[in-house]
């Protein structure tokens, strides 16, 4: 399917009233560390798909997911799954890989006392 037709089809699906509320969810305001990690993993998985030019069909087979599960990940619907589940999904793409947890103080949250 030519790129213009793919775009037009995607646009029609996005504008379809039955799909309202089914699009990408953003990371919530003041996200928890778990929400941030899930969001970042979703972005990594989407980036992998885009960088390798893989269709959803190939991704569902590679990850052993349904189309709905894959869409929840690709559209960052982070409330649909827990971090453990998402880490297991990501590990199927990024083998061998290591997921590291970095704990450091937040630099932009310093409070000064003014007298």
PDB file of N, CA and C in Angstrom:
ATOM      1  N   UNK A   1       0.846  -1.169   0.000  1.00  0.00           N
ATOM      2  CA  UNK A   1       0.000   0.000   0.000  1.00  0.00           C
ATOM      3  C   UNK A   1       0.898   1.241   0.000  1.00  0.00           C
ATOM      4  N   UNK A   2       0.698   2.157  -0.926  1.00  0.00           N
ATOM      5  CA  UNK A   2       1.513   3.372  -0.952  1.00  0.00           C
ATOM      6  C   UNK A   2       1.360   4.179   0.335  1.00  0.00           C
ATOM      7  N   UNK A   3       2.407   4.939   0.662  1.00  0.00           N
ATOM      8  CA  UNK A   3       2.450   5.705   1.905  1.00  0.00           C
ATOM      9  C   UNK A   3       1.245   6.640   2.059  1.00  0.00           C
ATOM     10  N   UNK A   4       0.848   7.344   0.970  1.00  0.00           N
ATOM     11  CA  UNK A   4      -0.277   8.284   1.052  1.00  0.00           C
ATOM     12  C   UNK A   4      -1.570   7.562   1.411  1.00  0.00           C
ATOM     13  N   UNK A   5      -1.771   6.379   0.851  1.00  0.00           N
ATOM     14  CA  UNK A   5      -2.983   5.619   1.154  1.00  0.00           C
ATOM     15  C   UNK A   5      -2.951   5.095   2.586  1.00  0.00           C
ATOM     16  N   UNK A   6      -1.760   4.695   3.059  1.00  0.00           N
ATOM     17  CA  UNK A   6      -1.623   4.247   4.455  1.00  0.00           C
ATOM     18  C   UNK A   6      -1.967   5.385   5.399  1.00  0.00           C
ATOM     19  N   UNK A   7      -1.444   6.580   5.100  1.00  0.00           N
ATOM     20  CA  UNK A   7      -1.713   7.734   5.944  1.00  0.00           C
ATOM     21  C   UNK A   7      -3.200   8.062   5.941  1.00  0.00           C
ATOM     22  N   UNK A   8      -3.804   8.055   4.778  1.00  0.00           N
ATOM     23  CA  UNK A   8      -5.229   8.366   4.661  1.00  0.00           C
ATOM     24  C   UNK A   8      -6.072   7.363   5.449  1.00  0.00           C
ATOM     25  N   UNK A   9      -5.706   6.084   5.365  1.00  0.00           N
ATOM     26  CA  UNK A   9      -6.427   5.049   6.115  1.00  0.00           C
ATOM     27  C   UNK A   9      -6.278   5.275   7.618  1.00  0.00           C
ATOM     28  N   UNK A  10      -5.061   5.569   8.077  1.00  0.00           N
ATOM     29  CA  UNK A  10      -4.829   5.826   9.496  1.00  0.00           C
ATOM     30  C   UNK A  10      -5.605   7.048   9.965  1.00  0.00           C
ATOM     31  N   UNK A  11      -5.653   8.074   9.144  1.00  0.00           N
ATOM     32  CA  UNK A  11      -6.381   9.287   9.480  1.00  0.00           C
ATOM     33  C   UNK A  11      -7.876   9.011   9.596  1.00  0.00           C
ATOM     34  N   UNK A  12      -8.421   8.237   8.665  1.00  0.00           N
ATOM     35  CA  UNK A  12      -9.842   7.881   8.719  1.00  0.00           C
ATOM     36  C   UNK A  12     -10.158   7.077   9.977  1.00  0.00           C
ATOM     37  N   UNK A  13      -9.271   6.146  10.344  1.00  0.00           N
ATOM     38  CA  UNK A  13      -9.481   5.357  11.556  1.00  0.00           C
ATOM     39  C   UNK A  13      -9.445   6.245  12.790  1.00  0.00           C
ATOM     40  N   UNK A  14      -8.514   7.198  12.830  1.00  0.00           N
ATOM     41  CA  UNK A  14      -8.401   8.086  13.986  1.00  0.00           C
ATOM     42  C   UNK A  14      -9.615   8.988  14.119  1.00  0.00           C
ATOM     43  N   UNK A  15     -10.202   9.381  12.985  1.00  0.00           N
ATOM     44  CA  UNK A  15     -11.349  10.276  13.001  1.00  0.00           C
ATOM     45  C   UNK A  15     -12.676   9.539  13.158  1.00  0.00           C
ATOM     46  N   UNK A  16     -12.661   8.219  13.062  1.00  0.00           N
ATOM     47  CA  UNK A  16     -13.872   7.417  13.193  1.00  0.00           C
ATOM     48  C   UNK A  16     -14.423   7.569  14.609  1.00  0.00           C
ATOM     49  N   UNK A  17     -15.705   7.953  14.760  1.00  0.00           N
ATOM     50  CA  UNK A  17     -16.275   8.162  16.101  1.00  0.00           C
ATOM     51  C   UNK A  17     -16.174   6.948  17.020  1.00  0.00           C
ATOM     52  N   UNK A  18     -16.170   5.750  16.482  1.00  0.00           N
ATOM     53  CA  UNK A  18     -16.074   4.558  17.336  1.00  0.00           C
ATOM     54  C   UNK A  18     -14.689   4.423  17.967  1.00  0.00           C
ATOM     55  N   UNK A  19     -13.698   5.146  17.435  1.00  0.00           N
ATOM     56  CA  UNK A  19     -12.340   5.080  17.971  1.00  0.00           C
ATOM     57  C   UNK A  19     -11.998   6.238  18.896  1.00  0.00           C
ATOM     58  N   UNK A  20     -12.950   7.108  19.169  1.00  0.00           N
ATOM     59  CA  UNK A  20     -12.684   8.238  20.057  1.00  0.00           C
ATOM     60  C   UNK A  20     -12.275   7.698  21.425  1.00  0.00           C
ATOM     61  N   UNK A  21     -11.237   8.236  21.967  1.00  0.00           N
ATOM     62  CA  UNK A  21     -10.749   7.793  23.273  1.00  0.00           C
ATOM     63  C   UNK A  21      -9.862   6.570  23.198  1.00  0.00           C
ATOM     64  N   UNK A  22      -9.560   6.078  22.003  1.00  0.00           N
ATOM     65  CA  UNK A  22      -8.745   4.886  21.856  1.00  0.00           C
ATOM     66  C   UNK A  22      -7.324   5.198  21.430  1.00  0.00           C
ATOM     67  N   UNK A  23      -7.002   6.463  21.268  1.00  0.00           N
ATOM     68  CA  UNK A  23      -5.685   6.842  20.776  1.00  0.00           C
ATOM     69  C   UNK A  23      -4.610   6.775  21.838  1.00  0.00           C
ATOM     70  N   UNK A  24      -3.568   7.488  21.588  1.00  0.00           N
ATOM     71  CA  UNK A  24      -2.423   7.500  22.486  1.00  0.00           C
ATOM     72  C   UNK A  24      -2.784   8.182  23.798  1.00  0.00           C
ATOM     73  N   UNK A  25      -2.320   7.618  24.875  1.00  0.00           N
ATOM     74  CA  UNK A  25      -2.503   8.227  26.181  1.00  0.00           C
ATOM     75  C   UNK A  25      -1.167   8.791  26.589  1.00  0.00           C
ATOM     76  N   UNK A  26      -1.183   9.970  27.109  1.00  0.00           N
ATOM     77  CA  UNK A  26       0.081  10.553  27.542  1.00  0.00           C
ATOM     78  C   UNK A  26       0.368  10.119  28.968  1.00  0.00           C
ATOM     79  N   UNK A  27       1.602  10.315  29.357  1.00  0.00           N
ATOM     80  CA  UNK A  27       1.994  10.020  30.727  1.00  0.00           C
ATOM     81  C   UNK A  27       1.240  10.992  31.634  1.00  0.00           C
ATOM     82  N   UNK A  28       0.695  10.516  32.738  1.00  0.00           N
ATOM     83  CA  UNK A  28      -0.083  11.408  33.601  1.00  0.00           C
ATOM     84  C   UNK A  28       0.766  12.531  34.187  1.00  0.00           C
ATOM     85  N   UNK A  29       0.089  13.587  34.589  1.00  0.00           N
ATOM     86  CA  UNK A  29       0.788  14.680  35.264  1.00  0.00           C
ATOM     87  C   UNK A  29       1.301  14.143  36.596  1.00  0.00           C
ATOM     88  N   UNK A  30       2.518  14.486  36.948  1.00  0.00           N
ATOM     89  CA  UNK A  30       3.166  13.986  38.160  1.00  0.00           C
ATOM     90  C   UNK A  30       3.163  12.445  38.218  1.00  0.00           C
ATOM     91  N   UNK A  31       3.744  11.804  37.210  1.00  0.00           N
ATOM     92  CA  UNK A  31       3.715  10.338  37.172  1.00  0.00           C
ATOM     93  C   UNK A  31       4.566   9.712  38.275  1.00  0.00           C
ATOM     94  N   UNK A  32       4.164   8.528  38.676  1.00  0.00           N
ATOM     95  CA  UNK A  32       4.949   7.758  39.630  1.00  0.00           C
ATOM     96  C   UNK A  32       6.177   7.211  38.909  1.00  0.00           C
ATOM     97  N   UNK A  33       7.189   6.762  39.640  1.00  0.00           N
ATOM     98  CA  UNK A  33       8.345   6.145  38.979  1.00  0.00           C
ATOM     99  C   UNK A  33       7.934   4.955  38.100  1.00  0.00           C
ATOM    100  N   UNK A  34       6.974   4.178  38.551  1.00  0.00           N
ATOM    101  CA  UNK A  34       6.502   3.043  37.756  1.00  0.00           C
ATOM    102  C   UNK A  34       5.849   3.505  36.457  1.00  0.00           C
ATOM    103  N   UNK A  35       5.036   4.554  36.527  1.00  0.00           N
ATOM    104  CA  UNK A  35       4.390   5.083  35.319  1.00  0.00           C
ATOM    105  C   UNK A  35       5.421   5.617  34.340  1.00  0.00           C
ATOM    106  N   UNK A  36       6.444   6.298  34.853  1.00  0.00           N
ATOM    107  CA  UNK A  36       7.517   6.803  33.979  1.00  0.00           C
ATOM    108  C   UNK A  36       8.235   5.646  33.291  1.00  0.00           C
ATOM    109  N   UNK A  37       8.546   4.611  34.068  1.00  0.00           N
ATOM    110  CA  UNK A  37       9.263   3.463  33.507  1.00  0.00           C
ATOM    111  C   UNK A  37       8.418   2.761  32.447  1.00  0.00           C
ATOM    112  N   UNK A  38       7.142   2.579  32.715  1.00  0.00           N
ATOM    113  CA  UNK A  38       6.254   1.932  31.734  1.00  0.00           C
ATOM    114  C   UNK A  38       6.170   2.763  30.463  1.00  0.00           C
ATOM    115  N   UNK A  39       6.041   4.078  30.627  1.00  0.00           N
ATOM    116  CA  UNK A  39       5.953   4.965  29.472  1.00  0.00           C
ATOM    117  C   UNK A  39       7.224   4.892  28.630  1.00  0.00           C
ATOM    118  N   UNK A  40       8.373   4.912  29.292  1.00  0.00           N
ATOM    119  CA  UNK A  40       9.644   4.845  28.568  1.00  0.00           C
ATOM    120  C   UNK A  40       9.811   3.505  27.854  1.00  0.00           C
ATOM    121  N   UNK A  41       9.389   2.415  28.480  1.00  0.00           N
ATOM    122  CA  UNK A  41       9.465   1.108  27.822  1.00  0.00           C
ATOM    123  C   UNK A  41       8.547   1.055  26.603  1.00  0.00           C
ATOM    124  N   UNK A  42       7.360   1.628  26.721  1.00  0.00           N
ATOM    125  CA  UNK A  42       6.449   1.680  25.567  1.00  0.00           C
ATOM    126  C   UNK A  42       7.100   2.434  24.417  1.00  0.00           C
ATOM    127  N   UNK A  43       7.736   3.562  24.730  1.00  0.00           N
ATOM    128  CA  UNK A  43       8.410   4.345  23.692  1.00  0.00           C
ATOM    129  C   UNK A  43       9.555   3.548  23.059  1.00  0.00           C
ATOM    130  N   UNK A  44      10.286   2.787  23.856  1.00  0.00           N
ATOM    131  CA  UNK A  44      11.386   1.962  23.322  1.00  0.00           C
ATOM    132  C   UNK A  44      10.840   0.896  22.367  1.00  0.00           C
ATOM    133  N   UNK A  45       9.730   0.282  22.745  1.00  0.00           N
ATOM    134  CA  UNK A  45       9.138  -0.758  21.900  1.00  0.00           C
ATOM    135  C   UNK A  45       8.636  -0.160  20.594  1.00  0.00           C
ATOM    136  N   UNK A  46       7.980   0.984  20.670  1.00  0.00           N
ATOM    137  CA  UNK A  46       7.521   1.670  19.460  1.00  0.00           C
ATOM    138  C   UNK A  46       8.719   2.064  18.592  1.00  0.00           C
ATOM    139  N   UNK A  47       9.768   2.584  19.219  1.00  0.00           N
ATOM    140  CA  UNK A  47      10.970   2.949  18.473  1.00  0.00           C
ATOM    141  C   UNK A  47      11.586   1.759  17.762  1.00  0.00           C
ATOM    142  N   UNK A  48      11.599   0.607  18.432  1.00  0.00           N
ATOM    143  CA  UNK A  48      12.131  -0.616  17.827  1.00  0.00           C
ATOM    144  C   UNK A  48      11.324  -0.968  16.578  1.00  0.00           C
ATOM    145  N   UNK A  49       9.999  -0.893  16.693  1.00  0.00           N
ATOM    146  CA  UNK A  49       9.143  -1.211  15.546  1.00  0.00           C
ATOM    147  C   UNK A  49       9.422  -0.260  14.387  1.00  0.00           C
ATOM    148  N   UNK A  50       9.509   1.035  14.692  1.00  0.00           N
ATOM    149  CA  UNK A  50       9.737   2.031  13.642  1.00  0.00           C
ATOM    150  C   UNK A  50      11.140   1.911  13.048  1.00  0.00           C
ATOM    151  N   UNK A  51      12.152   1.741  13.888  1.00  0.00           N
ATOM    152  CA  UNK A  51      13.536   1.642  13.410  1.00  0.00           C
ATOM    153  C   UNK A  51      13.750   0.432  12.511  1.00  0.00           C
ATOM    154  N   UNK A  52      13.022  -0.641  12.791  1.00  0.00           N
ATOM    155  CA  UNK A  52      13.171  -1.870  12.017  1.00  0.00           C
ATOM    156  C   UNK A  52      12.087  -2.050  10.971  1.00  0.00           C
ATOM    157  N   UNK A  53      11.229  -1.027  10.827  1.00  0.00           N
ATOM    158  CA  UNK A  53      10.165  -1.024   9.825  1.00  0.00           C
ATOM    159  C   UNK A  53       9.330  -2.312   9.879  1.00  0.00           C
ATOM    160  N   UNK A  54       8.880  -2.662  11.087  1.00  0.00           N
ATOM    161  CA  UNK A  54       8.113  -3.894  11.288  1.00  0.00           C
ATOM    162  C   UNK A  54       6.618  -3.594  11.345  1.00  0.00           C
ATOM    163  N   UNK A  55       5.843  -4.441  10.717  1.00  0.00           N
ATOM    164  CA  UNK A  55       4.390  -4.291  10.757  1.00  0.00           C
ATOM    165  C   UNK A  55       3.866  -4.739  12.120  1.00  0.00           C
ATOM    166  N   UNK A  56       2.639  -4.365  12.410  1.00  0.00           N
ATOM    167  CA  UNK A  56       2.009  -4.828  13.647  1.00  0.00           C
ATOM    168  C   UNK A  56       1.912  -6.350  13.666  1.00  0.00           C
ATOM    169  N   UNK A  57       1.643  -6.938  12.514  1.00  0.00           N
ATOM    170  CA  UNK A  57       1.529  -8.399  12.427  1.00  0.00           C
ATOM    171  C   UNK A  57       2.838  -9.081  12.839  1.00  0.00           C
ATOM    172  N   UNK A  58       3.944  -8.568  12.362  1.00  0.00           N
ATOM    173  CA  UNK A  58       5.241  -9.144  12.734  1.00  0.00           C
ATOM    174  C   UNK A  58       5.495  -8.939  14.226  1.00  0.00           C
ATOM    175  N   UNK A  59       5.162  -7.750  14.729  1.00  0.00           N
ATOM    176  CA  UNK A  59       5.367  -7.475  16.153  1.00  0.00           C
ATOM    177  C   UNK A  59       4.514  -8.393  17.032  1.00  0.00           C
ATOM    178  N   UNK A  60       3.269  -8.626  16.653  1.00  0.00           N
ATOM    179  CA  UNK A  60       2.423  -9.499  17.470  1.00  0.00           C
ATOM    180  C   UNK A  60       2.980 -10.916  17.502  1.00  0.00           C
ATOM    181  N   UNK A  61       3.501 -11.385  16.374  1.00  0.00           N
ATOM    182  CA  UNK A  61       4.091 -12.736  16.347  1.00  0.00           C
ATOM    183  C   UNK A  61       5.375 -12.785  17.162  1.00  0.00           C
ATOM    184  N   UNK A  62       6.204 -11.773  17.006  1.00  0.00           N
ATOM    185  CA  UNK A  62       7.493 -11.731  17.698  1.00  0.00           C
ATOM    186  C   UNK A  62       7.316 -11.654  19.219  1.00  0.00           C
ATOM    187  N   UNK A  63       6.301 -10.923  19.650  1.00  0.00           N
ATOM    188  CA  UNK A  63       6.078 -10.704  21.073  1.00  0.00           C
ATOM    189  C   UNK A  63       5.038 -11.644  21.693  1.00  0.00           C
ATOM    190  N   UNK A  64       4.399 -12.433  20.858  1.00  0.00           N
ATOM    191  CA  UNK A  64       3.338 -13.348  21.315  1.00  0.00           C
ATOM    192  C   UNK A  64       2.215 -12.571  22.004  1.00  0.00           C
ATOM    193  N   UNK A  65       1.755 -11.509  21.331  1.00  0.00           N
ATOM    194  CA  UNK A  65       0.686 -10.658  21.846  1.00  0.00           C
ATOM    195  C   UNK A  65      -0.476 -10.633  20.869  1.00  0.00           C
ATOM    196  N   UNK A  66      -1.642 -10.263  21.362  1.00  0.00           N
ATOM    197  CA  UNK A  66      -2.771  -9.996  20.473  1.00  0.00           C
ATOM    198  C   UNK A  66      -2.590  -8.593  19.890  1.00  0.00           C
ATOM    199  N   UNK A  67      -3.346  -8.281  18.865  1.00  0.00           N
ATOM    200  CA  UNK A  67      -3.281  -6.948  18.267  1.00  0.00           C
ATOM    201  C   UNK A  67      -3.676  -5.884  19.294  1.00  0.00           C
ATOM    202  N   UNK A  68      -4.673  -6.172  20.099  1.00  0.00           N
ATOM    203  CA  UNK A  68      -5.125  -5.217  21.113  1.00  0.00           C
ATOM    204  C   UNK A  68      -4.032  -4.965  22.149  1.00  0.00           C
ATOM    205  N   UNK A  69      -3.362  -6.017  22.601  1.00  0.00           N
ATOM    206  CA  UNK A  69      -2.276  -5.855  23.569  1.00  0.00           C
ATOM    207  C   UNK A  69      -1.145  -5.017  22.980  1.00  0.00           C
ATOM    208  N   UNK A  70      -0.801  -5.299  21.720  1.00  0.00           N
ATOM    209  CA  UNK A  70       0.255  -4.530  21.059  1.00  0.00           C
ATOM    210  C   UNK A  70      -0.135  -3.059  20.952  1.00  0.00           C
ATOM    211  N   UNK A  71      -1.368  -2.784  20.563  1.00  0.00           N
ATOM    212  CA  UNK A  71      -1.817  -1.396  20.437  1.00  0.00           C
ATOM    213  C   UNK A  71      -1.774  -0.681  21.784  1.00  0.00           C
ATOM    214  N   UNK A  72      -2.135  -1.371  22.856  1.00  0.00           N
ATOM    215  CA  UNK A  72      -2.065  -0.756  24.183  1.00  0.00           C
ATOM    216  C   UNK A  72      -0.633  -0.316  24.495  1.00  0.00           C
ATOM    217  N   UNK A  73       0.328  -1.122  24.089  1.00  0.00           N
ATOM    218  CA  UNK A  73       1.733  -0.777  24.310  1.00  0.00           C
ATOM    219  C   UNK A  73       2.169   0.353  23.381  1.00  0.00           C
ATOM    220  N   UNK A  74       1.883   0.226  22.097  1.00  0.00           N
ATOM    221  CA  UNK A  74       2.343   1.215  21.123  1.00  0.00           C
ATOM    222  C   UNK A  74       1.703   2.581  21.335  1.00  0.00           C
ATOM    223  N   UNK A  75       0.486   2.607  21.894  1.00  0.00           N
ATOM    224  CA  UNK A  75      -0.193   3.867  22.164  1.00  0.00           C
ATOM    225  C   UNK A  75      -0.008   4.321  23.615  1.00  0.00           C
ATOM    226  N   UNK A  76       0.942   3.684  24.319  1.00  0.00           N
ATOM    227  CA  UNK A  76       1.313   4.067  25.690  1.00  0.00           C
ATOM    228  C   UNK A  76       0.123   4.105  26.632  1.00  0.00           C
ATOM    229  N   UNK A  77      -0.741   3.124  26.547  1.00  0.00           N
ATOM    230  CA  UNK A  77      -1.878   3.019  27.470  1.00  0.00           C
ATOM    231  C   UNK A  77      -1.379   2.316  28.735  1.00  0.00           C
ATOM    232  N   UNK A  78      -0.569   3.025  29.495  1.00  0.00           N
ATOM    233  CA  UNK A  78       0.189   2.420  30.591  1.00  0.00           C
ATOM    234  C   UNK A  78      -0.660   1.913  31.745  1.00  0.00           C
ATOM    235  N   UNK A  79      -1.890   2.352  31.844  1.00  0.00           N
ATOM    236  CA  UNK A  79      -2.747   1.863  32.923  1.00  0.00           C
ATOM    237  C   UNK A  79      -3.273   0.459  32.641  1.00  0.00           C
ATOM    238  N   UNK A  80      -3.036  -0.042  31.445  1.00  0.00           N
ATOM    239  CA  UNK A  80      -3.555  -1.355  31.044  1.00  0.00           C
ATOM    240  C   UNK A  80      -2.677  -2.517  31.502  1.00  0.00           C
ATOM    241  N   UNK A  81      -1.463  -2.250  31.979  1.00  0.00           N
ATOM    242  CA  UNK A  81      -0.557  -3.341  32.347  1.00  0.00           C
ATOM    243  C   UNK A  81       0.382  -2.905  33.452  1.00  0.00           C
ATOM    244  N   UNK A  82       1.021  -3.879  34.087  1.00  0.00           N
ATOM    245  CA  UNK A  82       1.984  -3.538  35.144  1.00  0.00           C
ATOM    246  C   UNK A  82       3.401  -3.544  34.576  1.00  0.00           C
ATOM    247  N   UNK A  83       4.318  -3.030  35.353  1.00  0.00           N
ATOM    248  CA  UNK A  83       5.702  -2.882  34.905  1.00  0.00           C
ATOM    249  C   UNK A  83       6.362  -4.222  34.630  1.00  0.00           C
ATOM    250  N   UNK A  84       6.083  -5.217  35.454  1.00  0.00           N
ATOM    251  CA  UNK A  84       6.663  -6.545  35.268  1.00  0.00           C
ATOM    252  C   UNK A  84       6.274  -7.130  33.902  1.00  0.00           C
ATOM    253  N   UNK A  85       5.006  -7.021  33.560  1.00  0.00           N
ATOM    254  CA  UNK A  85       4.517  -7.506  32.267  1.00  0.00           C
ATOM    255  C   UNK A  85       5.251  -6.812  31.118  1.00  0.00           C
ATOM    256  N   UNK A  86       5.361  -5.494  31.207  1.00  0.00           N
ATOM    257  CA  UNK A  86       5.985  -4.724  30.139  1.00  0.00           C
ATOM    258  C   UNK A  86       7.470  -5.031  30.018  1.00  0.00           C
ATOM    259  N   UNK A  87       8.150  -5.251  31.138  1.00  0.00           N
ATOM    260  CA  UNK A  87       9.568  -5.617  31.096  1.00  0.00           C
ATOM    261  C   UNK A  87       9.744  -6.968  30.411  1.00  0.00           C
ATOM    262  N   UNK A  88       8.843  -7.898  30.651  1.00  0.00           N
ATOM    263  CA  UNK A  88       8.914  -9.205  29.989  1.00  0.00           C
ATOM    264  C   UNK A  88       8.686  -9.080  28.486  1.00  0.00           C
ATOM    265  N   UNK A  89       7.768  -8.225  28.091  1.00  0.00           N
ATOM    266  CA  UNK A  89       7.524  -7.994  26.663  1.00  0.00           C
ATOM    267  C   UNK A  89       8.777  -7.385  26.026  1.00  0.00           C
ATOM    268  N   UNK A  90       9.338  -6.362  26.652  1.00  0.00           N
ATOM    269  CA  UNK A  90      10.521  -5.687  26.106  1.00  0.00           C
ATOM    270  C   UNK A  90      11.705  -6.646  26.000  1.00  0.00           C
ATOM    271  N   UNK A  91      11.829  -7.544  26.944  1.00  0.00           N
ATOM    272  CA  UNK A  91      12.964  -8.474  26.921  1.00  0.00           C
ATOM    273  C   UNK A  91      12.916  -9.394  25.698  1.00  0.00           C
ATOM    274  N   UNK A  92      11.741  -9.607  25.120  1.00  0.00           N
ATOM    275  CA  UNK A  92      11.629 -10.428  23.912  1.00  0.00           C
ATOM    276  C   UNK A  92      12.212  -9.713  22.697  1.00  0.00           C
ATOM    277  N   UNK A  93      12.212  -8.393  22.732  1.00  0.00           N
ATOM    278  CA  UNK A  93      12.756  -7.612  21.611  1.00  0.00           C
ATOM    279  C   UNK A  93      14.233  -7.330  21.757  1.00  0.00           C
ATOM    280  N   UNK A  94      14.666  -7.074  22.964  1.00  0.00           N
ATOM    281  CA  UNK A  94      16.001  -6.549  23.188  1.00  0.00           C
ATOM    282  C   UNK A  94      16.957  -7.579  23.779  1.00  0.00           C
ATOM    283  N   UNK A  95      16.834  -8.826  23.374  1.00  0.00           N
ATOM    284  CA  UNK A  95      17.750  -9.863  23.859  1.00  0.00           C
ATOM    285  C   UNK A  95      19.053  -9.798  23.094  1.00  0.00           C
ATOM    286  N   UNK A  96      20.209  -9.945  23.638  1.00  0.00           N
ATOM    287  CA  UNK A  96      20.420  -9.875  25.084  1.00  0.00           C
ATOM    288  C   UNK A  96      20.319  -8.421  25.518  1.00  0.00           C
ATOM    289  N   UNK A  97      19.678  -8.216  26.621  1.00  0.00           N
ATOM    290  CA  UNK A  97      19.503  -6.863  27.131  1.00  0.00           C
ATOM    291  C   UNK A  97      19.509  -6.880  28.646  1.00  0.00           C
ATOM    292  N   UNK A  98      19.739  -5.727  29.178  1.00  0.00           N
ATOM    293  CA  UNK A  98      19.718  -5.565  30.620  1.00  0.00           C
ATOM    294  C   UNK A  98      18.930  -4.310  30.910  1.00  0.00           C
ATOM    295  N   UNK A  99      17.977  -4.417  31.792  1.00  0.00           N
ATOM    296  CA  UNK A  99      17.197  -3.262  32.187  1.00  0.00           C
ATOM    297  C   UNK A  99      17.757  -2.798  33.521  1.00  0.00           C
ATOM    298  N   UNK A 100      18.159  -1.538  33.558  1.00  0.00           N
ATOM    299  CA  UNK A 100      18.760  -0.998  34.769  1.00  0.00           C
ATOM    300  C   UNK A 100      17.826   0.014  35.405  1.00  0.00           C
ATOM    301  N   UNK A 101      17.827   0.017  36.701  1.00  0.00           N
ATOM    302  CA  UNK A 101      17.078   0.983  37.466  1.00  0.00           C
ATOM    303  C   UNK A 101      18.070   2.001  38.010  1.00  0.00           C
ATOM    304  N   UNK A 102      17.832   3.263  37.707  1.00  0.00           N
ATOM    305  CA  UNK A 102      18.714   4.322  38.172  1.00  0.00           C
ATOM    306  C   UNK A 102      17.950   5.140  39.200  1.00  0.00           C
ATOM    307  N   UNK A 103      18.480   5.190  40.398  1.00  0.00           N
ATOM    308  CA  UNK A 103      17.858   5.961  41.471  1.00  0.00           C
ATOM    309  C   UNK A 103      18.765   7.143  41.768  1.00  0.00           C
ATOM    310  N   UNK A 104      18.230   8.335  41.555  1.00  0.00           N
ATOM    311  CA  UNK A 104      18.996   9.535  41.827  1.00  0.00           C
ATOM    312  C   UNK A 104      18.048  10.633  42.273  1.00  0.00           C
ATOM    313  N   UNK A 105      18.545  11.565  43.066  1.00  0.00           N
ATOM    314  CA  UNK A 105      17.678  12.646  43.547  1.00  0.00           C
ATOM    315  C   UNK A 105      17.223  13.514  42.381  1.00  0.00           C
ATOM    316  N   UNK A 106      16.015  13.981  42.491  1.00  0.00           N
ATOM    317  CA  UNK A 106      15.451  14.844  41.470  1.00  0.00           C
ATOM    318  C   UNK A 106      16.060  16.233  41.638  1.00  0.00           C
ATOM    319  N   UNK A 107      16.697  16.748  40.595  1.00  0.00           N
ATOM    320  CA  UNK A 107      17.430  18.002  40.685  1.00  0.00           C
ATOM    321  C   UNK A 107      16.534  19.228  40.566  1.00  0.00           C
ATOM    322  N   UNK A 108      15.400  19.095  39.910  1.00  0.00           N
ATOM    323  CA  UNK A 108      14.537  20.259  39.702  1.00  0.00           C
ATOM    324  C   UNK A 108      13.497  20.430  40.806  1.00  0.00           C
ATOM    325  N   UNK A 109      13.611  19.663  41.876  1.00  0.00           N
ATOM    326  CA  UNK A 109      12.620  19.711  42.940  1.00  0.00           C
ATOM    327  C   UNK A 109      13.242  20.232  44.245  1.00  0.00           C
ATOM    328  N   UNK A 110      14.196  21.133  44.115  1.00  0.00           N
ATOM    329  CA  UNK A 110      14.850  21.689  45.306  1.00  0.00           C
ATOM    330  C   UNK A 110      14.008  22.820  45.868  1.00  0.00           C
ATOM    331  N   UNK A 111      13.868  22.825  47.168  1.00  0.00           N
ATOM    332  CA  UNK A 111      13.098  23.875  47.829  1.00  0.00           C
ATOM    333  C   UNK A 111      14.043  24.744  48.644  1.00  0.00           C
ATOM    334  N   UNK A 112      13.832  26.027  48.563  1.00  0.00           N
ATOM    335  CA  UNK A 112      14.622  26.975  49.353  1.00  0.00           C
ATOM    336  C   UNK A 112      13.687  27.662  50.336  1.00  0.00           C
ATOM    337  N   UNK A 113      14.195  27.875  51.471  1.00  0.00           N
ATOM    338  CA  UNK A 113      13.394  28.559  52.484  1.00  0.00           C
ATOM    339  C   UNK A 113      13.735  30.039  52.445  1.00  0.00           C
ATOM    340  N   UNK A 114      12.712  30.834  52.236  1.00  0.00           N
ATOM    341  CA  UNK A 114      12.897  32.277  52.165  1.00  0.00           C
ATOM    342  C   UNK A 114      12.364  32.892  53.458  1.00  0.00           C
ATOM    343  N   UNK A 115      13.194  33.723  54.084  1.00  0.00           N
ATOM    344  CA  UNK A 115      12.777  34.374  55.333  1.00  0.00           C
ATOM    345  C   UNK A 115      12.694  35.861  55.106  1.00  0.00           C
TER     346      UNK A 115
END
